[in-house]
C-alpha atoms as a PDB file:
ATOM      1  CA  MET A   1       0.000   0.000   0.000  1.00  0.00           C
ATOM      2  CA  ILE A   2       1.223   3.486  -0.884  1.00  0.00           C
ATOM      3  CA  ALA A   3       0.980   5.949   1.953  1.00  0.00           C
ATOM      4  CA  ALA A   4      -0.900   9.144   1.145  1.00  0.00           C
ATOM      5  CA  VAL A   5       1.038  12.360   1.243  1.00  0.00           C
ATOM      6  CA  PRO A   6      -0.545  14.921   3.582  1.00  0.00           C
ATOM      7  CA  PRO A   7      -1.706  18.022   1.674  1.00  0.00           C
ATOM      8  CA  ALA A   8       0.135  20.280   4.114  1.00  0.00           C
ATOM      9  CA  ALA A   9       3.398  18.703   3.061  1.00  0.00           C
ATOM     10  CA  LEU A  10       3.020  19.697  -0.577  1.00  0.00           C
ATOM     11  CA  PRO A  11       3.633  23.455  -0.204  1.00  0.00           C
ATOM     12  CA  ALA A  12       6.590  22.753   2.047  1.00  0.00           C
ATOM     13  CA  ALA A  13       8.114  20.481  -0.565  1.00  0.00           C
ATOM     14  CA  GLY A  14       7.482  23.117  -3.195  1.00  0.00           C
ATOM     15  CA  ARG A  15       9.153  25.728  -1.077  1.00  0.00           C
ATOM     16  CA  GLY A  16      12.082  23.449  -0.385  1.00  0.00           C
ATOM     17  CA  SER A  17      12.659  22.767  -4.073  1.00  0.00           C
ATOM     18  CA  LYS A  18      12.419  26.473  -4.810  1.00  0.00           C
ATOM     19  CA  VAL A  19      14.985  27.256  -2.123  1.00  0.00           C
ATOM     20  CA  GLN A  20      17.240  24.571  -3.518  1.00  0.00           C
ATOM     21  CA  ARG A  21      16.955  26.040  -7.028  1.00  0.00           C
ATOM     22  CA  GLN A  22      17.755  29.498  -5.715  1.00  0.00           C
ATOM     23  CA  GLY A  23      20.776  28.112  -3.872  1.00  0.00           C
ATOM     24  CA  VAL A  24      22.065  26.414  -7.035  1.00  0.00           C
ATOM     25  CA  SER A  25      21.513  29.648  -9.000  1.00  0.00           C
ATOM     26  CA  ARG A  26      23.432  31.681  -6.428  1.00  0.00           C
ATOM     27  CA  GLY A  27      26.212  29.100  -6.474  1.00  0.00           C
ATOM     28  CA  LYS A  28      26.569  29.352 -10.248  1.00  0.00           C
ATOM     29  CA  THR A  29      26.515  33.146 -10.102  1.00  0.00           C
ATOM     30  CA  GLY A  30      29.153  33.140  -7.379  1.00  0.00           C
ATOM     31  CA  ARG A  31      31.452  30.984  -9.481  1.00  0.00           C
ATOM     32  CA  LEU A  32      31.080  33.179 -12.577  1.00  0.00           C
ATOM     33  CA  TRP A  33      31.712  36.593 -10.996  1.00  0.00           C
ATOM     34  CA  TRP A  34      35.165  36.788 -12.602  1.00  0.00           C
ATOM     35  CA  LEU A  35      33.578  37.028 -16.057  1.00  0.00           C
ATOM     36  CA  VAL A  36      32.819  40.711 -15.421  1.00  0.00           C
ATOM     37  CA  LEU A  37      36.468  41.547 -14.718  1.00  0.00           C
ATOM     38  CA  PRO A  38      37.499  42.340 -18.347  1.00  0.00           C
ATOM     39  CA  ALA A  39      34.574  44.724 -18.845  1.00  0.00           C
ATOM     40  CA  LEU A  40      35.143  46.243 -15.408  1.00  0.00           C
ATOM     41  CA  PHE A  41      38.839  46.716 -16.193  1.00  0.00           C
ATOM     42  CA  PHE A  42      38.176  48.589 -19.443  1.00  0.00           C
ATOM     43  CA  PHE A  43      35.452  50.674 -17.796  1.00  0.00           C
ATOM     44  CA  VAL A  44      37.775  51.744 -14.974  1.00  0.00           C
ATOM     45  CA  VAL A  45      40.758  52.434 -17.276  1.00  0.00           C
ATOM     46  CA  PHE A  46      38.901  54.283 -20.031  1.00  0.00           C
ATOM     47  CA  ALA A  47      36.040  55.903 -18.099  1.00  0.00           C
ATOM     48  CA  VAL A  48      36.633  56.231 -14.361  1.00  0.00           C
ATOM     49  CA  VAL A  49      40.343  57.128 -14.436  1.00  0.00           C
ATOM     50  CA  PRO A  50      40.001  59.824 -17.172  1.00  0.00           C
ATOM     51  CA  LEU A  51      37.001  61.277 -15.357  1.00  0.00           C
ATOM     52  CA  ILE A  52      38.975  61.532 -12.132  1.00  0.00           C
ATOM     53  CA  GLY A  53      41.852  63.100 -14.062  1.00  0.00           C
ATOM     54  CA  VAL A  54      39.565  65.717 -15.618  1.00  0.00           C
ATOM     55  CA  PHE A  55      38.069  66.525 -12.226  1.00  0.00           C
ATOM     56  CA  VAL A  56      41.525  67.024 -10.712  1.00  0.00           C
ATOM     57  CA  LEU A  57      42.629  69.087 -13.713  1.00  0.00           C
ATOM     58  CA  SER A  58      39.646  71.404 -13.233  1.00  0.00           C
ATOM     59  CA  PHE A  59      41.454  72.746 -10.141  1.00  0.00           C
ATOM     60  CA  ALA A  60      44.723  73.372 -11.998  1.00  0.00           C
ATOM     61  CA  ASN A  61      46.242  75.663 -14.622  1.00  0.00           C
ATOM     62  CA  TRP A  62      47.670  73.968 -17.716  1.00  0.00           C
ATOM     63  CA  ASP A  63      48.184  75.021 -21.313  1.00  0.00           C
ATOM     64  CA  GLY A  64      48.422  71.448 -22.595  1.00  0.00           C
ATOM     65  CA  ILE A  65      52.222  71.484 -22.924  1.00  0.00           C
ATOM     66  CA  GLY A  66      53.964  73.091 -19.967  1.00  0.00           C
ATOM     67  CA  ALA A  67      53.907  72.384 -16.272  1.00  0.00           C
ATOM     68  CA  ILE A  68      50.685  71.984 -14.309  1.00  0.00           C
ATOM     69  CA  SER A  69      50.122  74.396 -11.429  1.00  0.00           C
ATOM     70  CA  LEU A  70      47.424  74.396  -8.790  1.00  0.00           C
ATOM     71  CA  ALA A  71      44.660  76.994  -9.253  1.00  0.00           C
ATOM     72  CA  GLY A  72      42.200  75.981  -6.544  1.00  0.00           C
ATOM     73  CA  VAL A  73      38.582  76.902  -7.196  1.00  0.00           C
ATOM     74  CA  GLY A  74      39.562  79.868  -9.364  1.00  0.00           C
ATOM     75  CA  ASN A  75      38.765  77.986 -12.569  1.00  0.00           C
ATOM     76  CA  TRP A  76      35.290  77.167 -11.324  1.00  0.00           C
ATOM     77  CA  PHE A  77      34.521  80.760 -10.369  1.00  0.00           C
ATOM     78  CA  SER A  78      35.805  82.070 -13.704  1.00  0.00           C
ATOM     79  CA  VAL A  79      33.799  79.546 -15.738  1.00  0.00           C
ATOM     80  CA  LEU A  80      30.592  79.831 -13.735  1.00  0.00           C
ATOM     81  CA  GLY A  81      30.744  83.620 -14.038  1.00  0.00           C
ATOM     82  CA  ASP A  82      31.552  83.653 -17.768  1.00  0.00           C
ATOM     83  CA  PRO A  83      28.696  85.019 -19.959  1.00  0.00           C
ATOM     84  CA  VAL A  84      29.932  82.863 -22.859  1.00  0.00           C
ATOM     85  CA  MET A  85      29.383  79.745 -20.731  1.00  0.00           C
ATOM     86  CA  HIS A  86      25.918  80.943 -19.755  1.00  0.00           C
ATOM     87  CA  ASN A  87      25.042  81.406 -23.434  1.00  0.00           C
ATOM     88  CA  ALA A  88      26.488  77.981 -24.280  1.00  0.00           C
ATOM     89  CA  LEU A  89      24.451  76.358 -21.511  1.00  0.00           C
ATOM     90  CA  ARG A  90      21.286  78.111 -22.704  1.00  0.00           C
ATOM     91  CA  LEU A  91      21.875  77.018 -26.308  1.00  0.00           C
ATOM     92  CA  THR A  92      22.574  73.448 -25.180  1.00  0.00           C
ATOM     93  CA  PHE A  93      19.254  73.168 -23.379  1.00  0.00           C
ATOM     94  CA  LEU A  94      17.429  75.006 -26.173  1.00  0.00           C
ATOM     95  CA  ILE A  95      18.709  72.577 -28.817  1.00  0.00           C
ATOM     96  CA  MET A  96      18.018  69.674 -26.471  1.00  0.00           C
ATOM     97  CA  ILE A  97      14.370  70.651 -25.890  1.00  0.00           C
ATOM     98  CA  ILE A  98      13.534  71.589 -29.483  1.00  0.00           C
ATOM     99  CA  SER A  99      15.291  68.490 -30.837  1.00  0.00           C
ATOM    100  CA  TRP A 100      13.289  66.294 -28.482  1.00  0.00           C
ATOM    101  CA  LEU A 101      10.040  67.991 -29.470  1.00  0.00           C
ATOM    102  CA  VAL A 102      10.837  67.493 -33.168  1.00  0.00           C
ATOM    103  CA  GLN A 103      12.397  64.034 -33.116  1.00  0.00           C
ATOM    104  CA  THR A 104      10.079  62.215 -30.705  1.00  0.00           C
ATOM    105  CA  PRO A 105       6.760  62.607 -32.616  1.00  0.00           C
ATOM    106  CA  LEU A 106       8.433  61.926 -35.971  1.00  0.00           C
ATOM    107  CA  SER A 107      10.306  58.888 -34.696  1.00  0.00           C
ATOM    108  CA  LEU A 108       7.241  57.511 -32.938  1.00  0.00           C
ATOM    109  CA  LEU A 109       4.962  57.857 -35.974  1.00  0.00           C
ATOM    110  CA  LEU A 110       7.564  56.476 -38.367  1.00  0.00           C
ATOM    111  CA  GLY A 111       8.301  53.618 -35.977  1.00  0.00           C
ATOM    112  CA  VAL A 112       4.629  52.685 -35.771  1.00  0.00           C
ATOM    113  CA  PHE A 113       4.293  52.953 -39.556  1.00  0.00           C
ATOM    114  CA  THR A 114       7.346  50.853 -40.407  1.00  0.00           C
ATOM    115  CA  ALA A 115       6.364  48.185 -37.855  1.00  0.00           C
ATOM    116  CA  GLY A 116       3.747  46.943 -40.338  1.00  0.00           C
ATOM    117  CA  SER A 117       4.255  43.711 -42.238  1.00  0.00           C
ATOM    118  CA  GLN A 118       3.867  45.169 -45.748  1.00  0.00           C
ATOM    119  CA  ARG A 119       6.900  44.812 -48.009  1.00  0.00           C
ATOM    120  CA  TYR A 120       6.984  48.464 -49.018  1.00  0.00           C
ATOM    121  CA  ARG A 121       7.234  49.435 -45.360  1.00  0.00           C
ATOM    122  CA  ALA A 122      10.315  47.240 -44.991  1.00  0.00           C
ATOM    123  CA  LEU A 123      11.842  49.021 -47.994  1.00  0.00           C
ATOM    124  CA  LEU A 124      11.045  52.425 -46.479  1.00  0.00           C
ATOM    125  CA  ALA A 125      12.610  51.316 -43.182  1.00  0.00           C
ATOM    126  CA  VAL A 126      15.846  50.563 -45.039  1.00  0.00           C
ATOM    127  CA  LEU A 127      15.755  53.985 -46.753  1.00  0.00           C
ATOM    128  CA  TYR A 128      15.104  55.737 -43.432  1.00  0.00           C
ATOM    129  CA  PHE A 129      18.119  53.959 -41.976  1.00  0.00           C
ATOM    130  CA  LEU A 130      20.574  55.353 -44.564  1.00  0.00           C
ATOM    131  CA  PRO A 131      21.469  58.592 -42.669  1.00  0.00           C
ATOM    132  CA  LEU A 132      22.830  56.453 -39.830  1.00  0.00           C
ATOM    133  CA  LEU A 133      25.468  55.044 -42.185  1.00  0.00           C
ATOM    134  CA  LEU A 134      27.018  58.493 -42.634  1.00  0.00           C
ATOM    135  CA  SER A 135      29.302  60.212 -40.147  1.00  0.00           C
ATOM    136  CA  SER A 136      28.285  63.504 -38.565  1.00  0.00           C
ATOM    137  CA  ALA A 137      31.204  65.278 -40.274  1.00  0.00           C
ATOM    138  CA  ALA A 138      30.134  63.997 -43.706  1.00  0.00           C
ATOM    139  CA  ILE A 139      26.532  65.067 -43.097  1.00  0.00           C
ATOM    140  CA  ALA A 140      27.667  68.538 -41.985  1.00  0.00           C
ATOM    141  CA  ILE A 141      29.867  68.947 -45.081  1.00  0.00           C
ATOM    142  CA  ALA A 142      27.018  67.846 -47.356  1.00  0.00           C
ATOM    143  CA  PHE A 143      24.471  70.221 -45.821  1.00  0.00           C
ATOM    144  CA  LYS A 144      26.994  73.046 -45.780  1.00  0.00           C
ATOM    145  CA  ALA A 145      27.405  72.631 -49.545  1.00  0.00           C
ATOM    146  CA  LEU A 146      23.653  72.272 -50.176  1.00  0.00           C
ATOM    147  CA  LEU A 147      22.815  75.387 -48.160  1.00  0.00           C
ATOM    148  CA  ASP A 148      25.427  77.577 -49.830  1.00  0.00           C
ATOM    149  CA  PRO A 149      23.453  80.580 -51.204  1.00  0.00           C
ATOM    150  CA  ASN A 150      25.706  80.934 -54.272  1.00  0.00           C
ATOM    151  CA  PHE A 151      26.546  77.382 -55.331  1.00  0.00           C
ATOM    152  CA  GLY A 152      24.149  75.186 -53.378  1.00  0.00           C
ATOM    153  CA  LEU A 153      20.674  73.772 -53.815  1.00  0.00           C
ATOM    154  CA  ALA A 154      19.081  77.126 -54.627  1.00  0.00           C
ATOM    155  CA  GLU A 155      21.383  77.740 -57.589  1.00  0.00           C
ATOM    156  CA  GLY A 156      21.216  74.159 -58.829  1.00  0.00           C
ATOM    157  CA  LEU A 157      17.416  73.966 -58.799  1.00  0.00           C
ATOM    158  CA  GLY A 158      16.834  77.584 -59.760  1.00  0.00           C
ATOM    159  CA  LEU A 159      14.819  78.341 -56.616  1.00  0.00           C
ATOM    160  CA  PRO A 160      15.593  81.904 -55.456  1.00  0.00           C
ATOM    161  CA  PHE A 161      13.701  81.562 -52.163  1.00  0.00           C
ATOM    162  CA  LEU A 162      16.251  78.985 -51.045  1.00  0.00           C
ATOM    163  CA  ALA A 163      19.107  81.428 -51.618  1.00  0.00           C
ATOM    164  CA  GLN A 164      19.303  82.462 -47.972  1.00  0.00           C
ATOM    165  CA  ASP A 165      22.354  82.851 -45.808  1.00  0.00           C
ATOM    166  CA  TRP A 166      21.199  79.862 -43.768  1.00  0.00           C
ATOM    167  CA  LEU A 167      24.401  79.479 -41.776  1.00  0.00           C
ATOM    168  CA  GLY A 168      25.278  83.166 -41.499  1.00  0.00           C
ATOM    169  CA  ARG A 169      22.152  84.569 -39.873  1.00  0.00           C
ATOM    170  CA  PRO A 170      21.611  83.998 -36.143  1.00  0.00           C
ATOM    171  CA  GLN A 171      17.835  83.873 -36.689  1.00  0.00           C
ATOM    172  CA  LEU A 172      18.120  80.922 -39.079  1.00  0.00           C
ATOM    173  CA  VAL A 173      21.220  78.972 -38.140  1.00  0.00           C
ATOM    174  CA  LEU A 174      19.822  77.432 -34.953  1.00  0.00           C
ATOM    175  CA  PHE A 175      16.835  75.963 -36.788  1.00  0.00           C
ATOM    176  CA  VAL A 176      19.118  74.666 -39.534  1.00  0.00           C
ATOM    177  CA  VAL A 177      21.233  72.893 -36.925  1.00  0.00           C
ATOM    178  CA  ILE A 178      18.135  71.335 -35.347  1.00  0.00           C
ATOM    179  CA  PHE A 179      16.884  70.225 -38.787  1.00  0.00           C
ATOM    180  CA  VAL A 180      20.203  68.535 -39.603  1.00  0.00           C
ATOM    181  CA  ILE A 181      20.296  66.841 -36.192  1.00  0.00           C
ATOM    182  CA  ALA A 182      16.762  65.525 -36.691  1.00  0.00           C
ATOM    183  CA  TRP A 183      17.591  64.342 -40.220  1.00  0.00           C
ATOM    184  CA  GLN A 184      20.504  62.321 -38.876  1.00  0.00           C
ATOM    185  CA  PHE A 185      19.037  60.830 -35.701  1.00  0.00           C
ATOM    186  CA  VAL A 186      15.318  60.338 -36.407  1.00  0.00           C
ATOM    187  CA  PRO A 187      16.102  57.017 -38.209  1.00  0.00           C
ATOM    188  CA  PHE A 188      17.864  55.663 -35.117  1.00  0.00           C
ATOM    189  CA  HIS A 189      14.930  56.407 -32.815  1.00  0.00           C
ATOM    190  CA  THR A 190      12.514  55.164 -35.482  1.00  0.00           C
ATOM    191  CA  LEU A 191      14.297  51.815 -35.267  1.00  0.00           C
ATOM    192  CA  ILE A 192      13.867  51.801 -31.476  1.00  0.00           C
ATOM    193  CA  TYR A 193      10.125  52.495 -31.723  1.00  0.00           C
ATOM    194  CA  GLN A 194       9.723  49.972 -34.519  1.00  0.00           C
ATOM    195  CA  GLY A 195      11.149  47.253 -32.293  1.00  0.00           C
ATOM    196  CA  GLY A 196       8.952  48.384 -29.391  1.00  0.00           C
ATOM    197  CA  VAL A 197       5.762  48.289 -31.447  1.00  0.00           C
ATOM    198  CA  ARG A 198       6.516  44.786 -32.719  1.00  0.00           C
ATOM    199  CA  GLN A 199       6.728  43.560 -29.114  1.00  0.00           C
ATOM    200  CA  ILE A 200       3.146  44.623 -28.345  1.00  0.00           C
ATOM    201  CA  PRO A 201       0.829  41.568 -28.291  1.00  0.00           C
ATOM    202  CA  LYS A 202      -1.505  41.523 -31.284  1.00  0.00           C
ATOM    203  CA  SER A 203      -4.269  40.215 -29.062  1.00  0.00           C
ATOM    204  CA  LEU A 204      -4.646  43.704 -27.584  1.00  0.00           C
ATOM    205  CA  TYR A 205      -5.407  45.176 -31.004  1.00  0.00           C
ATOM    206  CA  GLU A 206      -7.724  42.292 -31.877  1.00  0.00           C
ATOM    207  CA  ALA A 207      -9.706  42.846 -28.683  1.00  0.00           C
ATOM    208  CA  ALA A 208      -9.874  46.571 -29.418  1.00  0.00           C
ATOM    209  CA  GLU A 209     -11.195  45.916 -32.922  1.00  0.00           C
ATOM    210  CA  ILE A 210     -13.893  43.652 -31.519  1.00  0.00           C
ATOM    211  CA  ASP A 211     -14.898  46.495 -29.187  1.00  0.00           C
ATOM    212  CA  GLY A 212     -15.121  48.808 -32.208  1.00  0.00           C
ATOM    213  CA  ALA A 213     -12.014  50.936 -31.546  1.00  0.00           C
ATOM    214  CA  GLY A 214     -10.507  52.575 -34.631  1.00  0.00           C
ATOM    215  CA  LYS A 215      -6.844  53.037 -35.498  1.00  0.00           C
ATOM    216  CA  VAL A 216      -6.607  56.392 -33.727  1.00  0.00           C
ATOM    217  CA  LYS A 217      -8.090  55.070 -30.476  1.00  0.00           C
ATOM    218  CA  GLN A 218      -5.846  52.004 -30.671  1.00  0.00           C
ATOM    219  CA  PHE A 219      -2.816  54.256 -31.038  1.00  0.00           C
ATOM    220  CA  PHE A 220      -3.633  56.422 -28.031  1.00  0.00           C
ATOM    221  CA  HIS A 221      -5.031  53.711 -25.752  1.00  0.00           C
ATOM    222  CA  ILE A 222      -2.825  50.740 -26.636  1.00  0.00           C
ATOM    223  CA  THR A 223       0.309  51.733 -28.548  1.00  0.00           C
ATOM    224  CA  LEU A 224       1.337  54.778 -26.514  1.00  0.00           C
ATOM    225  CA  PRO A 225       0.814  53.198 -23.058  1.00  0.00           C
ATOM    226  CA  GLN A 226       2.643  50.053 -24.133  1.00  0.00           C
ATOM    227  CA  LEU A 227       5.572  52.154 -25.407  1.00  0.00           C
ATOM    228  CA  LYS A 228       6.071  53.987 -22.119  1.00  0.00           C
ATOM    229  CA  TYR A 229       9.489  52.537 -21.376  1.00  0.00           C
ATOM    230  CA  THR A 230      10.512  52.699 -25.028  1.00  0.00           C
ATOM    231  CA  ILE A 231       9.770  56.427 -24.964  1.00  0.00           C
ATOM    232  CA  ILE A 232      11.811  56.799 -21.770  1.00  0.00           C
ATOM    233  CA  THR A 233      14.742  54.923 -23.318  1.00  0.00           C
ATOM    234  CA  SER A 234      14.606  56.918 -26.561  1.00  0.00           C
ATOM    235  CA  SER A 235      14.261  60.211 -24.685  1.00  0.00           C
ATOM    236  CA  THR A 236      17.239  59.373 -22.469  1.00  0.00           C
ATOM    237  CA  LEU A 237      19.432  58.638 -25.485  1.00  0.00           C
ATOM    238  CA  MET A 238      18.143  61.744 -27.253  1.00  0.00           C
ATOM    239  CA  VAL A 239      18.562  64.148 -24.329  1.00  0.00           C
ATOM    240  CA  VAL A 240      21.939  62.889 -23.112  1.00  0.00           C
ATOM    241  CA  GLY A 241      23.158  62.577 -26.712  1.00  0.00           C
ATOM    242  CA  SER A 242      22.322  66.232 -27.340  1.00  0.00           C
ATOM    243  CA  LEU A 243      25.190  67.118 -25.003  1.00  0.00           C
ATOM    244  CA  THR A 244      27.648  65.629 -27.516  1.00  0.00           C
ATOM    245  CA  TYR A 245      26.655  67.335 -30.779  1.00  0.00           C
ATOM    246  CA  PHE A 246      30.184  68.710 -31.063  1.00  0.00           C
ATOM    247  CA  ASP A 247      31.348  67.228 -34.377  1.00  0.00           C
ATOM    248  CA  LEU A 248      28.277  68.121 -36.430  1.00  0.00           C
ATOM    249  CA  ILE A 249      28.070  71.716 -35.192  1.00  0.00           C
ATOM    250  CA  PHE A 250      31.833  72.244 -35.350  1.00  0.00           C
ATOM    251  CA  VAL A 251      31.981  71.280 -39.034  1.00  0.00           C
ATOM    252  CA  LEU A 252      28.695  72.956 -39.973  1.00  0.00           C
ATOM    253  CA  THR A 253      29.024  76.335 -38.232  1.00  0.00           C
ATOM    254  CA  ALA A 254      32.133  76.237 -35.967  1.00  0.00           C
ATOM    255  CA  GLY A 255      29.908  77.846 -33.324  1.00  0.00           C
ATOM    256  CA  GLY A 256      29.027  80.847 -35.452  1.00  0.00           C
ATOM    257  CA  PRO A 257      27.868  83.263 -36.487  1.00  0.00           C
ATOM    258  CA  GLY A 258      29.307  84.861 -33.388  1.00  0.00           C
ATOM    259  CA  ASN A 259      28.333  82.500 -30.580  1.00  0.00           C
ATOM    260  CA  SER A 260      24.917  81.584 -32.017  1.00  0.00           C
ATOM    261  CA  THR A 261      25.634  77.842 -32.030  1.00  0.00           C
ATOM    262  CA  ARG A 262      28.451  77.609 -29.488  1.00  0.00           C
ATOM    263  CA  ILE A 263      26.992  74.876 -27.320  1.00  0.00           C
ATOM    264  CA  LEU A 264      28.660  73.606 -24.158  1.00  0.00           C
ATOM    265  CA  ALA A 265      30.604  70.763 -25.826  1.00  0.00           C
ATOM    266  CA  LEU A 266      31.961  73.120 -28.480  1.00  0.00           C
ATOM    267  CA  ASP A 267      32.773  75.743 -25.842  1.00  0.00           C
ATOM    268  CA  MET A 268      34.792  73.103 -23.996  1.00  0.00           C
ATOM    269  CA  TYR A 269      36.786  72.278 -27.141  1.00  0.00           C
ATOM    270  CA  LEU A 270      37.437  75.891 -28.086  1.00  0.00           C
ATOM    271  CA  THR A 271      38.459  76.759 -24.525  1.00  0.00           C
ATOM    272  CA  GLY A 272      40.830  73.824 -24.223  1.00  0.00           C
ATOM    273  CA  PHE A 273      42.373  73.495 -27.680  1.00  0.00           C
ATOM    274  CA  ARG A 274      42.043  76.982 -29.147  1.00  0.00           C
ATOM    275  CA  ALA A 275      42.643  79.090 -26.040  1.00  0.00           C
ATOM    276  CA  ASN A 276      44.919  76.428 -24.434  1.00  0.00           C
ATOM    277  CA  LEU A 277      43.052  76.702 -21.122  1.00  0.00           C
ATOM    278  CA  MET A 278      42.807  73.092 -20.051  1.00  0.00           C
ATOM    279  CA  GLY A 279      41.709  73.940 -16.510  1.00  0.00           C
ATOM    280  CA  PRO A 280      38.544  75.856 -17.480  1.00  0.00           C
ATOM    281  CA  ALA A 281      37.901  73.307 -20.256  1.00  0.00           C
ATOM    282  CA  SER A 282      38.004  70.549 -17.640  1.00  0.00           C
ATOM    283  CA  VAL A 283      35.465  72.476 -15.579  1.00  0.00           C
ATOM    284  CA  LEU A 284      33.155  72.520 -18.602  1.00  0.00           C
ATOM    285  CA  ALA A 285      33.723  68.788 -19.070  1.00  0.00           C
ATOM    286  CA  VAL A 286      32.748  68.074 -15.462  1.00  0.00           C
ATOM    287  CA  ILE A 287      29.643  70.237 -15.871  1.00  0.00           C
ATOM    288  CA  LEU A 288      28.685  68.245 -18.987  1.00  0.00           C
ATOM    289  CA  VAL A 289      29.083  64.954 -17.112  1.00  0.00           C
ATOM    290  CA  LEU A 290      27.008  66.192 -14.169  1.00  0.00           C
ATOM    291  CA  ILE A 291      24.239  67.460 -16.452  1.00  0.00           C
ATOM    292  CA  GLY A 292      24.192  64.196 -18.381  1.00  0.00           C
ATOM    293  CA  LEU A 293      24.001  62.089 -15.214  1.00  0.00           C
ATOM    294  CA  ALA A 294      21.291  64.292 -13.701  1.00  0.00           C
ATOM    295  CA  LEU A 295      19.157  64.155 -16.850  1.00  0.00           C
ATOM    296  CA  ALA A 296      19.565  60.389 -17.240  1.00  0.00           C
ATOM    297  CA  LEU A 297      18.640  59.752 -13.597  1.00  0.00           C
ATOM    298  CA  ALA A 298      15.679  62.134 -13.803  1.00  0.00           C
ATOM    299  CA  LEU A 299      14.298  60.428 -16.906  1.00  0.00           C
ATOM    300  CA  GLN A 300      14.741  56.965 -15.403  1.00  0.00           C
ATOM    301  CA  ARG A 301      13.040  58.127 -12.201  1.00  0.00           C
ATOM    302  CA  LEU A 302      10.246  59.606 -14.319  1.00  0.00           C
ATOM    303  CA  GLY A 303       9.766  56.244 -16.023  1.00  0.00           C
ATOM    304  CA  GLY A 304       9.675  54.308 -12.759  1.00  0.00           C
ATOM    305  CA  LYS A 305       7.640  51.127 -13.032  1.00  0.00           C
ATOM    306  CA  GLY A 306       4.239  51.382 -11.435  1.00  0.00           C
ATOM    307  CA  SER A 307       0.702  50.159 -11.765  1.00  0.00           C
ATOM    308  CA  SER A 308       0.041  52.525 -14.663  1.00  0.00           C
ATOM    309  CA  GLY A 309       3.167  51.479 -16.587  1.00  0.00           C
ATOM    310  CA  SER A 310       3.477  49.366 -19.660  1.00  0.00           C
ATOM    311  CA  GLN A 311       2.502  45.723 -19.531  1.00  0.00           C
ATOM    312  CA  LEU A 312       5.762  44.949 -21.286  1.00  0.00           C
ATOM    313  CA  GLU A 313       8.165  45.319 -18.369  1.00  0.00           C
ATOM    314  CA  GLY A 314      11.509  46.724 -19.369  1.00  0.00           C
ATOM    315  CA  MET A 315      10.352  48.332 -22.612  1.00  0.00           C
END
């Protein structure tokens, strides 16, 4: 005769097996901790150590060649009180905000559109991806030639209204820079949203269709809520990335006319390698790092997982 197992013993056995599995998992993890050492080594050598060096250099005077002398907090006071830095900081945030407002709706709509299964949408997705294959310097050179009022697009197509001094007028140059930035980076964020949309269960849309919801209602009540974490991820990359638009702006306008496009990253370069003031340039570098970290943490805190978040955890 087979003895019956008391029902009360079943949960205990289940718990025991679960504890055993967790113990085995922890044991495997403990034995594999050394696998992170190569990545940790490169991170410390190429990220942490240079960052510490820049922070220390922000309290010193150095022209990039001669001896380094201690300056104390003088560099910080001079940079924080510099009107050029204030203008660069304002332009950085202005480009950041306008770029986000332009790129996010375009990327989201294009991502939703290209997530379809039609063949022509796949072809369009490939065409949209082409700007990502070009370097920022090449894009800046191309647009600089196209926008030339004498030999550019206006002269080639015979369109006089395009013959503007696009890069020489402070009222126009900022919007040109934002347009070029959007042209280059919208495809990247479109790809992110395309992947996010394809992860949404089709059963949600099928249920909505049964309830009589149209495409617009499905977009606002299903697609957008499900893309919450995708939007946070894209916005983080977009906002933090806007702090590093040095190469494109340097080739396109070199910060001009005047200081109309001299953003913080470009101001750091010009201060360090044109004026040979490595101390103040290091201060600007530290400020850039602090702003980037603060924005990234704020966006991640804003997208904290809660009951109203996306059903696709981690998106």
